[in-house]
Amino acid sequence: MTQEVARYSASTVLPALAQQIADLKGHYATAYRALHRELNRSLTAYRRDFDAAKLKLHALELLNNILDLGQPTGVGLAQSLAGLGMCLTPRNVSTISIDLGEAPQYTNCGLTLEQSLDTDGLARLVAEIDAALDEKNRMLSNLLVDNILQSQVTNVWRLS
C-alpha cells in the first residue's frame, strides 16, 4: 500500500492533473472558437431574416390599426420576435478572450457554448407573420373591391 501511495504522490499527480486541465481548457477554447465562427457565418442571413420580420410586423401593426379590417391579427408576435433577437456582433474569434471560469463564455459578447441561433424558431415565426399579413391583405383586398363595386353602382344610378 505504501508503494501505491508513493506512486501517486502529489509530485506526480498534480502535474498530470494540471496537464489534463490545460488540455480541457484548450478543447473548450477550440469548441468556442468553432461555435463563434459558425455563428458569425450564420449571423448575416439570420439578421437579414430577423430585420425583414421586424418590417413585416410593422406593416401588420399598421394594418391592424385600420378598424375596417377587423380584429387585430398576429397579437403577441412582436414579443416572440423580440425573444429571438440576439445581440451578437461578428468579432474576430482569434482575439477574443474566453473566460473558462464557472460559466464558460466569451467575455466580449457573453456567448456560451450552449447557445445557437434559433433559425428554426425564426422561420416558424416568419411563417406566422406571413399568415397574419396574408389575412389582413385578404381583408383589405375585399374592402377595396367592395368600395369599387359600391362606386360603380352609385355611378350607374347617377347616369340613369
N, C-alpha and C. Protein backbone atom coordinates (compact mmCIF):
# COMPACT_ATOMS: atom_id res chain seq x y z
N MET A 1 0.82 -1.18 0.00
CA MET A 1 0.00 0.00 0.00
C MET A 1 0.86 1.25 0.00
N THR A 2 1.93 1.25 0.74
CA THR A 2 2.80 2.43 0.78
C THR A 2 3.46 2.67 -0.56
N GLN A 3 3.72 1.60 -1.31
CA GLN A 3 4.30 1.78 -2.65
C GLN A 3 3.29 2.45 -3.59
N GLU A 4 2.00 2.05 -3.46
CA GLU A 4 0.97 2.68 -4.30
C GLU A 4 0.82 4.14 -3.95
N VAL A 5 0.83 4.46 -2.67
CA VAL A 5 0.72 5.84 -2.24
C VAL A 5 1.91 6.63 -2.78
N ALA A 6 3.07 6.06 -2.70
CA ALA A 6 4.25 6.74 -3.19
C ALA A 6 4.15 6.96 -4.70
N ARG A 7 3.59 6.01 -5.41
CA ARG A 7 3.47 6.13 -6.86
C ARG A 7 2.50 7.25 -7.24
N TYR A 8 1.49 7.48 -6.41
CA TYR A 8 0.51 8.53 -6.69
C TYR A 8 0.71 9.74 -5.79
N SER A 9 1.91 10.06 -5.51
CA SER A 9 2.19 11.21 -4.64
C SER A 9 1.84 12.50 -5.36
N ALA A 10 1.75 13.55 -4.59
CA ALA A 10 1.38 14.86 -5.12
C ALA A 10 2.34 15.32 -6.21
N SER A 11 3.57 14.94 -6.11
CA SER A 11 4.54 15.41 -7.10
C SER A 11 4.28 14.81 -8.48
N THR A 12 3.63 13.66 -8.54
CA THR A 12 3.33 13.07 -9.86
C THR A 12 1.89 13.32 -10.28
N VAL A 13 0.96 13.37 -9.34
CA VAL A 13 -0.45 13.54 -9.67
C VAL A 13 -0.75 14.98 -10.07
N LEU A 14 -0.25 15.93 -9.35
CA LEU A 14 -0.57 17.33 -9.62
C LEU A 14 -0.12 17.78 -11.01
N PRO A 15 1.09 17.48 -11.45
CA PRO A 15 1.44 17.89 -12.81
C PRO A 15 0.56 17.21 -13.87
N ALA A 16 0.22 15.95 -13.67
CA ALA A 16 -0.63 15.25 -14.63
C ALA A 16 -2.03 15.87 -14.64
N LEU A 17 -2.55 16.18 -13.45
CA LEU A 17 -3.85 16.81 -13.36
C LEU A 17 -3.83 18.21 -13.99
N ALA A 18 -2.79 18.95 -13.73
CA ALA A 18 -2.65 20.28 -14.32
C ALA A 18 -2.61 20.19 -15.84
N GLN A 19 -1.95 19.18 -16.37
CA GLN A 19 -1.89 18.99 -17.82
C GLN A 19 -3.28 18.64 -18.38
N GLN A 20 -4.02 17.81 -17.65
CA GLN A 20 -5.37 17.45 -18.09
C GLN A 20 -6.29 18.68 -18.09
N ILE A 21 -6.15 19.51 -17.08
CA ILE A 21 -6.95 20.74 -17.01
C ILE A 21 -6.57 21.67 -18.16
N ALA A 22 -5.29 21.81 -18.42
CA ALA A 22 -4.85 22.65 -19.54
C ALA A 22 -5.37 22.11 -20.86
N ASP A 23 -5.35 20.79 -21.03
CA ASP A 23 -5.87 20.17 -22.25
C ASP A 23 -7.37 20.44 -22.39
N LEU A 24 -8.11 20.29 -21.28
CA LEU A 24 -9.54 20.53 -21.29
C LEU A 24 -9.85 21.98 -21.67
N LYS A 25 -9.12 22.91 -21.08
CA LYS A 25 -9.31 24.32 -21.42
C LYS A 25 -9.02 24.56 -22.89
N GLY A 26 -8.01 23.91 -23.41
CA GLY A 26 -7.70 24.04 -24.83
C GLY A 26 -8.82 23.52 -25.71
N HIS A 27 -9.40 22.37 -25.33
CA HIS A 27 -10.53 21.82 -26.08
C HIS A 27 -11.75 22.74 -26.02
N TYR A 28 -12.02 23.29 -24.83
CA TYR A 28 -13.12 24.24 -24.69
C TYR A 28 -12.89 25.46 -25.57
N ALA A 29 -11.69 26.01 -25.52
CA ALA A 29 -11.38 27.20 -26.32
C ALA A 29 -11.56 26.91 -27.80
N THR A 30 -11.12 25.74 -28.24
CA THR A 30 -11.29 25.36 -29.64
C THR A 30 -12.77 25.25 -29.99
N ALA A 31 -13.56 24.63 -29.11
CA ALA A 31 -15.00 24.49 -29.35
C ALA A 31 -15.67 25.86 -29.40
N TYR A 32 -15.30 26.77 -28.50
CA TYR A 32 -15.89 28.10 -28.50
C TYR A 32 -15.55 28.84 -29.79
N ARG A 33 -14.32 28.76 -30.20
CA ARG A 33 -13.93 29.46 -31.42
C ARG A 33 -14.68 28.90 -32.64
N ALA A 34 -14.84 27.59 -32.69
CA ALA A 34 -15.58 26.98 -33.80
C ALA A 34 -17.05 27.42 -33.76
N LEU A 35 -17.65 27.43 -32.57
CA LEU A 35 -19.03 27.88 -32.44
C LEU A 35 -19.16 29.33 -32.87
N HIS A 36 -18.26 30.16 -32.41
CA HIS A 36 -18.33 31.58 -32.73
C HIS A 36 -18.16 31.81 -34.23
N ARG A 37 -17.26 31.09 -34.85
CA ARG A 37 -17.08 31.22 -36.31
C ARG A 37 -18.36 30.81 -37.04
N GLU A 38 -18.96 29.71 -36.62
CA GLU A 38 -20.19 29.24 -37.25
C GLU A 38 -21.32 30.24 -37.06
N LEU A 39 -21.45 30.78 -35.85
CA LEU A 39 -22.48 31.79 -35.61
C LEU A 39 -22.24 33.03 -36.45
N ASN A 40 -21.01 33.45 -36.57
CA ASN A 40 -20.72 34.63 -37.39
C ASN A 40 -21.07 34.38 -38.85
N ARG A 41 -20.83 33.15 -39.33
CA ARG A 41 -21.20 32.82 -40.72
C ARG A 41 -22.72 32.85 -40.88
N SER A 42 -23.43 32.37 -39.91
CA SER A 42 -24.89 32.28 -39.99
C SER A 42 -25.57 33.61 -39.65
N LEU A 43 -24.87 34.47 -38.96
CA LEU A 43 -25.47 35.69 -38.43
C LEU A 43 -25.98 36.63 -39.52
N THR A 44 -25.31 36.73 -40.64
CA THR A 44 -25.73 37.65 -41.69
C THR A 44 -27.12 37.28 -42.19
N ALA A 45 -27.33 36.02 -42.52
CA ALA A 45 -28.64 35.59 -43.01
C ALA A 45 -29.69 35.70 -41.90
N TYR A 46 -29.31 35.35 -40.68
CA TYR A 46 -30.25 35.42 -39.56
C TYR A 46 -30.70 36.87 -39.34
N ARG A 47 -29.74 37.79 -39.33
CA ARG A 47 -30.08 39.22 -39.14
C ARG A 47 -30.96 39.73 -40.29
N ARG A 48 -30.68 39.30 -41.53
CA ARG A 48 -31.49 39.71 -42.68
C ARG A 48 -32.93 39.25 -42.48
N ASP A 49 -33.12 37.98 -42.11
CA ASP A 49 -34.46 37.45 -41.89
C ASP A 49 -35.13 38.10 -40.69
N PHE A 50 -34.35 38.33 -39.64
CA PHE A 50 -34.88 38.98 -38.44
C PHE A 50 -35.35 40.40 -38.75
N ASP A 51 -34.52 41.16 -39.47
CA ASP A 51 -34.89 42.54 -39.83
C ASP A 51 -36.10 42.57 -40.77
N ALA A 52 -36.18 41.61 -41.70
CA ALA A 52 -37.35 41.53 -42.59
C ALA A 52 -38.61 41.23 -41.78
N ALA A 53 -38.49 40.37 -40.79
CA ALA A 53 -39.63 40.04 -39.94
C ALA A 53 -40.08 41.28 -39.15
N LYS A 54 -39.12 42.08 -38.69
CA LYS A 54 -39.49 43.31 -37.98
C LYS A 54 -40.26 44.26 -38.89
N LEU A 55 -39.82 44.37 -40.15
CA LEU A 55 -40.53 45.24 -41.10
C LEU A 55 -41.94 44.71 -41.37
N LYS A 56 -42.07 43.40 -41.53
CA LYS A 56 -43.39 42.81 -41.75
C LYS A 56 -44.29 43.04 -40.55
N LEU A 57 -43.73 42.93 -39.35
CA LEU A 57 -44.53 43.18 -38.15
C LEU A 57 -45.00 44.63 -38.08
N HIS A 58 -44.14 45.54 -38.53
CA HIS A 58 -44.54 46.95 -38.55
C HIS A 58 -45.70 47.15 -39.53
N ALA A 59 -45.62 46.53 -40.70
CA ALA A 59 -46.72 46.61 -41.67
C ALA A 59 -47.99 46.01 -41.08
N LEU A 60 -47.87 44.89 -40.40
CA LEU A 60 -49.03 44.25 -39.77
C LEU A 60 -49.63 45.17 -38.70
N GLU A 61 -48.77 45.82 -37.94
CA GLU A 61 -49.26 46.76 -36.92
C GLU A 61 -50.06 47.89 -37.57
N LEU A 62 -49.57 48.41 -38.68
CA LEU A 62 -50.29 49.48 -39.39
C LEU A 62 -51.64 48.97 -39.91
N LEU A 63 -51.65 47.77 -40.47
CA LEU A 63 -52.90 47.20 -40.96
C LEU A 63 -53.87 46.91 -39.81
N ASN A 64 -53.33 46.50 -38.67
CA ASN A 64 -54.18 46.23 -37.51
C ASN A 64 -54.85 47.49 -36.99
N ASN A 65 -54.29 48.66 -37.29
CA ASN A 65 -54.87 49.93 -36.84
C ASN A 65 -56.01 50.40 -37.72
N ILE A 66 -56.27 49.73 -38.83
CA ILE A 66 -57.39 50.08 -39.71
C ILE A 66 -58.62 49.33 -39.20
N LEU A 67 -59.54 50.08 -38.63
CA LEU A 67 -60.71 49.46 -37.99
C LEU A 67 -61.55 48.64 -38.95
N ASP A 68 -61.63 49.06 -40.21
CA ASP A 68 -62.45 48.35 -41.19
C ASP A 68 -61.90 46.96 -41.52
N LEU A 69 -60.69 46.66 -41.08
CA LEU A 69 -60.09 45.36 -41.38
C LEU A 69 -60.30 44.35 -40.25
N GLY A 70 -61.16 44.68 -39.32
CA GLY A 70 -61.50 43.73 -38.27
C GLY A 70 -60.52 43.72 -37.11
N GLN A 71 -60.63 42.65 -36.35
CA GLN A 71 -59.80 42.50 -35.16
C GLN A 71 -58.32 42.36 -35.54
N PRO A 72 -57.45 42.85 -34.67
CA PRO A 72 -56.01 42.70 -34.94
C PRO A 72 -55.61 41.22 -35.04
N THR A 73 -54.69 40.94 -35.93
CA THR A 73 -54.16 39.59 -36.07
C THR A 73 -52.68 39.61 -35.69
N GLY A 74 -52.17 38.46 -35.37
CA GLY A 74 -50.75 38.36 -35.03
C GLY A 74 -50.39 38.93 -33.68
N VAL A 75 -51.34 38.97 -32.78
CA VAL A 75 -51.09 39.51 -31.43
C VAL A 75 -50.05 38.62 -30.74
N GLY A 76 -49.05 39.23 -30.18
CA GLY A 76 -48.00 38.51 -29.46
C GLY A 76 -46.80 38.16 -30.31
N LEU A 77 -46.89 38.37 -31.63
CA LEU A 77 -45.75 38.02 -32.49
C LEU A 77 -44.55 38.93 -32.25
N ALA A 78 -44.81 40.18 -31.89
CA ALA A 78 -43.69 41.10 -31.63
C ALA A 78 -42.88 40.64 -30.43
N GLN A 79 -43.56 40.16 -29.40
CA GLN A 79 -42.84 39.67 -28.22
C GLN A 79 -42.05 38.41 -28.55
N SER A 80 -42.64 37.56 -29.36
CA SER A 80 -41.92 36.34 -29.77
C SER A 80 -40.69 36.69 -30.58
N LEU A 81 -40.83 37.67 -31.46
CA LEU A 81 -39.68 38.08 -32.27
C LEU A 81 -38.59 38.70 -31.41
N ALA A 82 -39.00 39.51 -30.45
CA ALA A 82 -38.02 40.13 -29.55
C ALA A 82 -37.24 39.06 -28.80
N GLY A 83 -37.91 37.96 -28.47
CA GLY A 83 -37.24 36.87 -27.77
C GLY A 83 -36.20 36.16 -28.63
N LEU A 84 -36.35 36.27 -29.95
CA LEU A 84 -35.39 35.63 -30.85
C LEU A 84 -34.20 36.53 -31.19
N GLY A 85 -34.29 37.81 -30.83
CA GLY A 85 -33.21 38.73 -31.15
C GLY A 85 -31.98 38.46 -30.31
N MET A 86 -30.87 38.34 -30.99
CA MET A 86 -29.60 38.12 -30.27
C MET A 86 -28.72 39.33 -30.50
N CYS A 87 -28.02 39.73 -29.48
CA CYS A 87 -27.15 40.89 -29.56
C CYS A 87 -25.73 40.47 -29.87
N LEU A 88 -25.59 39.67 -30.87
CA LEU A 88 -24.25 39.24 -31.27
C LEU A 88 -23.74 40.12 -32.39
N THR A 89 -22.54 40.57 -32.24
CA THR A 89 -21.88 41.32 -33.29
C THR A 89 -20.71 40.47 -33.75
N PRO A 90 -20.59 40.27 -35.07
CA PRO A 90 -19.46 39.46 -35.52
C PRO A 90 -18.14 40.03 -35.02
N ARG A 91 -17.30 39.18 -34.51
CA ARG A 91 -15.99 39.57 -34.00
C ARG A 91 -14.96 38.58 -34.48
N ASN A 92 -13.72 39.00 -34.43
CA ASN A 92 -12.62 38.12 -34.79
C ASN A 92 -12.37 37.19 -33.61
N VAL A 93 -12.68 35.90 -33.80
CA VAL A 93 -12.60 34.98 -32.67
C VAL A 93 -11.20 34.71 -32.19
N SER A 94 -10.21 34.97 -33.00
CA SER A 94 -8.85 34.67 -32.56
C SER A 94 -8.36 35.67 -31.52
N THR A 95 -9.01 36.84 -31.43
CA THR A 95 -8.57 37.85 -30.47
C THR A 95 -9.50 37.97 -29.27
N ILE A 96 -10.54 37.17 -29.23
CA ILE A 96 -11.49 37.26 -28.13
C ILE A 96 -10.99 36.41 -26.96
N SER A 97 -11.04 37.01 -25.79
CA SER A 97 -10.65 36.23 -24.61
C SER A 97 -11.81 35.36 -24.17
N ILE A 98 -11.49 34.19 -23.71
CA ILE A 98 -12.51 33.25 -23.27
C ILE A 98 -12.34 33.04 -21.78
N ASP A 99 -13.44 33.24 -21.05
CA ASP A 99 -13.45 33.03 -19.61
C ASP A 99 -13.92 31.61 -19.35
N LEU A 100 -13.05 30.77 -18.87
CA LEU A 100 -13.40 29.38 -18.61
C LEU A 100 -13.63 29.12 -17.12
N GLY A 101 -14.13 30.14 -16.45
CA GLY A 101 -14.41 30.01 -15.01
C GLY A 101 -15.66 29.21 -14.77
N GLU A 102 -16.53 29.72 -13.91
CA GLU A 102 -17.74 28.99 -13.53
C GLU A 102 -18.70 28.78 -14.70
N ALA A 103 -18.90 29.79 -15.53
CA ALA A 103 -19.81 29.69 -16.68
C ALA A 103 -19.01 30.07 -17.92
N PRO A 104 -18.40 29.12 -18.57
CA PRO A 104 -17.54 29.44 -19.72
C PRO A 104 -18.27 30.25 -20.78
N GLN A 105 -17.66 31.38 -21.16
CA GLN A 105 -18.24 32.25 -22.17
C GLN A 105 -17.18 33.20 -22.70
N TYR A 106 -17.50 33.79 -23.86
CA TYR A 106 -16.65 34.84 -24.38
C TYR A 106 -16.90 36.08 -23.55
N THR A 107 -15.85 36.72 -23.11
CA THR A 107 -16.03 37.90 -22.26
C THR A 107 -16.57 39.09 -23.04
N ASN A 108 -16.30 39.19 -24.35
CA ASN A 108 -16.75 40.35 -25.12
C ASN A 108 -18.23 40.30 -25.48
N CYS A 109 -18.79 39.13 -25.74
CA CYS A 109 -20.18 39.06 -26.18
C CYS A 109 -21.07 38.22 -25.28
N GLY A 110 -20.51 37.50 -24.33
CA GLY A 110 -21.30 36.69 -23.42
C GLY A 110 -21.81 35.39 -24.01
N LEU A 111 -21.33 34.99 -25.16
CA LEU A 111 -21.76 33.76 -25.80
C LEU A 111 -21.28 32.56 -25.01
N THR A 112 -22.21 31.66 -24.73
CA THR A 112 -21.83 30.41 -24.07
C THR A 112 -21.86 29.29 -25.09
N LEU A 113 -21.24 28.19 -24.75
CA LEU A 113 -21.13 27.06 -25.67
C LEU A 113 -22.49 26.46 -26.01
N GLU A 114 -23.46 26.62 -25.13
CA GLU A 114 -24.78 26.04 -25.36
C GLU A 114 -25.65 26.88 -26.29
N GLN A 115 -25.28 28.12 -26.57
CA GLN A 115 -26.12 29.00 -27.37
C GLN A 115 -25.98 28.73 -28.86
N SER A 116 -27.06 29.04 -29.56
CA SER A 116 -27.05 28.96 -31.02
C SER A 116 -28.14 29.89 -31.54
N LEU A 117 -28.09 30.16 -32.83
CA LEU A 117 -29.13 30.97 -33.45
C LEU A 117 -30.35 30.07 -33.65
N ASP A 118 -31.49 30.55 -33.25
CA ASP A 118 -32.72 29.76 -33.37
C ASP A 118 -33.32 29.99 -34.76
N THR A 119 -32.65 29.46 -35.78
CA THR A 119 -33.11 29.66 -37.15
C THR A 119 -34.46 28.98 -37.39
N ASP A 120 -34.69 27.83 -36.78
CA ASP A 120 -35.97 27.16 -36.94
C ASP A 120 -37.10 27.97 -36.29
N GLY A 121 -36.83 28.51 -35.11
CA GLY A 121 -37.83 29.34 -34.44
C GLY A 121 -38.13 30.60 -35.23
N LEU A 122 -37.10 31.20 -35.81
CA LEU A 122 -37.30 32.40 -36.62
C LEU A 122 -38.11 32.05 -37.87
N ALA A 123 -37.82 30.94 -38.51
CA ALA A 123 -38.56 30.53 -39.70
C ALA A 123 -40.03 30.29 -39.37
N ARG A 124 -40.31 29.64 -38.23
CA ARG A 124 -41.70 29.42 -37.82
C ARG A 124 -42.41 30.74 -37.56
N LEU A 125 -41.70 31.66 -36.91
CA LEU A 125 -42.30 32.95 -36.59
C LEU A 125 -42.56 33.77 -37.85
N VAL A 126 -41.64 33.73 -38.80
CA VAL A 126 -41.83 34.44 -40.07
C VAL A 126 -43.06 33.87 -40.79
N ALA A 127 -43.25 32.56 -40.74
CA ALA A 127 -44.43 31.95 -41.36
C ALA A 127 -45.71 32.44 -40.68
N GLU A 128 -45.69 32.57 -39.35
CA GLU A 128 -46.86 33.09 -38.63
C GLU A 128 -47.13 34.55 -39.00
N ILE A 129 -46.07 35.34 -39.11
CA ILE A 129 -46.23 36.75 -39.50
C ILE A 129 -46.80 36.82 -40.92
N ASP A 130 -46.26 36.01 -41.82
CA ASP A 130 -46.76 35.99 -43.19
C ASP A 130 -48.23 35.61 -43.25
N ALA A 131 -48.64 34.62 -42.44
CA ALA A 131 -50.04 34.19 -42.41
C ALA A 131 -50.94 35.33 -41.91
N ALA A 132 -50.50 36.03 -40.88
CA ALA A 132 -51.28 37.16 -40.36
C ALA A 132 -51.36 38.28 -41.38
N LEU A 133 -50.26 38.54 -42.07
CA LEU A 133 -50.26 39.56 -43.12
C LEU A 133 -51.16 39.15 -44.28
N ASP A 134 -51.12 37.89 -44.66
CA ASP A 134 -51.99 37.39 -45.73
C ASP A 134 -53.46 37.59 -45.38
N GLU A 135 -53.81 37.32 -44.13
CA GLU A 135 -55.18 37.52 -43.68
C GLU A 135 -55.59 38.98 -43.80
N LYS A 136 -54.72 39.87 -43.33
CA LYS A 136 -55.03 41.31 -43.41
C LYS A 136 -55.07 41.78 -44.87
N ASN A 137 -54.19 41.26 -45.70
CA ASN A 137 -54.20 41.64 -47.12
C ASN A 137 -55.48 41.16 -47.80
N ARG A 138 -55.96 39.97 -47.44
CA ARG A 138 -57.21 39.46 -47.99
C ARG A 138 -58.36 40.37 -47.58
N MET A 139 -58.38 40.77 -46.31
CA MET A 139 -59.43 41.66 -45.82
C MET A 139 -59.37 43.01 -46.52
N LEU A 140 -58.17 43.54 -46.69
CA LEU A 140 -58.01 44.82 -47.36
C LEU A 140 -58.45 44.73 -48.82
N SER A 141 -58.09 43.66 -49.48
CA SER A 141 -58.50 43.46 -50.86
C SER A 141 -60.02 43.40 -50.98
N ASN A 142 -60.66 42.65 -50.10
CA ASN A 142 -62.12 42.56 -50.10
C ASN A 142 -62.76 43.92 -49.86
N LEU A 143 -62.19 44.69 -48.95
CA LEU A 143 -62.69 46.03 -48.66
C LEU A 143 -62.58 46.93 -49.88
N LEU A 144 -61.44 46.88 -50.55
CA LEU A 144 -61.25 47.70 -51.75
C LEU A 144 -62.19 47.29 -52.88
N VAL A 145 -62.36 46.00 -53.07
CA VAL A 145 -63.29 45.52 -54.10
C VAL A 145 -64.71 45.97 -53.78
N ASP A 146 -65.11 45.85 -52.52
CA ASP A 146 -66.44 46.31 -52.13
C ASP A 146 -66.61 47.80 -52.40
N ASN A 147 -65.60 48.59 -52.10
CA ASN A 147 -65.66 50.03 -52.35
C ASN A 147 -65.77 50.33 -53.84
N ILE A 148 -65.02 49.61 -54.65
CA ILE A 148 -65.09 49.81 -56.10
C ILE A 148 -66.47 49.44 -56.62
N LEU A 149 -67.01 48.31 -56.17
CA LEU A 149 -68.33 47.90 -56.60
C LEU A 149 -69.39 48.92 -56.17
N GLN A 150 -69.28 49.41 -54.95
CA GLN A 150 -70.22 50.43 -54.46
C GLN A 150 -70.13 51.69 -55.32
N SER A 151 -68.91 52.06 -55.68
CA SER A 151 -68.69 53.24 -56.52
C SER A 151 -69.31 53.05 -57.89
N GLN A 152 -69.17 51.87 -58.47
CA GLN A 152 -69.74 51.59 -59.79
C GLN A 152 -71.26 51.60 -59.74
N VAL A 153 -71.84 51.02 -58.70
CA VAL A 153 -73.30 51.02 -58.56
C VAL A 153 -73.81 52.45 -58.42
N THR A 154 -73.13 53.25 -57.65
CA THR A 154 -73.52 54.65 -57.47
C THR A 154 -73.44 55.39 -58.80
N ASN A 155 -72.40 55.17 -59.57
CA ASN A 155 -72.25 55.84 -60.87
C ASN A 155 -73.34 55.41 -61.84
N VAL A 156 -73.73 54.15 -61.83
CA VAL A 156 -74.79 53.65 -62.72
C VAL A 156 -76.10 54.34 -62.37
N TRP A 157 -76.39 54.49 -61.08
CA TRP A 157 -77.63 55.14 -60.67
C TRP A 157 -77.63 56.62 -61.07
N ARG A 158 -76.48 57.26 -61.01
CA ARG A 158 -76.41 58.67 -61.40
C ARG A 158 -76.63 58.85 -62.90
N LEU A 159 -76.15 57.93 -63.69
CA LEU A 159 -76.31 58.02 -65.14
C LEU A 159 -77.73 57.70 -65.60
N SER A 160 -78.46 56.97 -64.79
CA SER A 160 -79.81 56.57 -65.19
C SER A 160 -80.78 57.68 -65.10
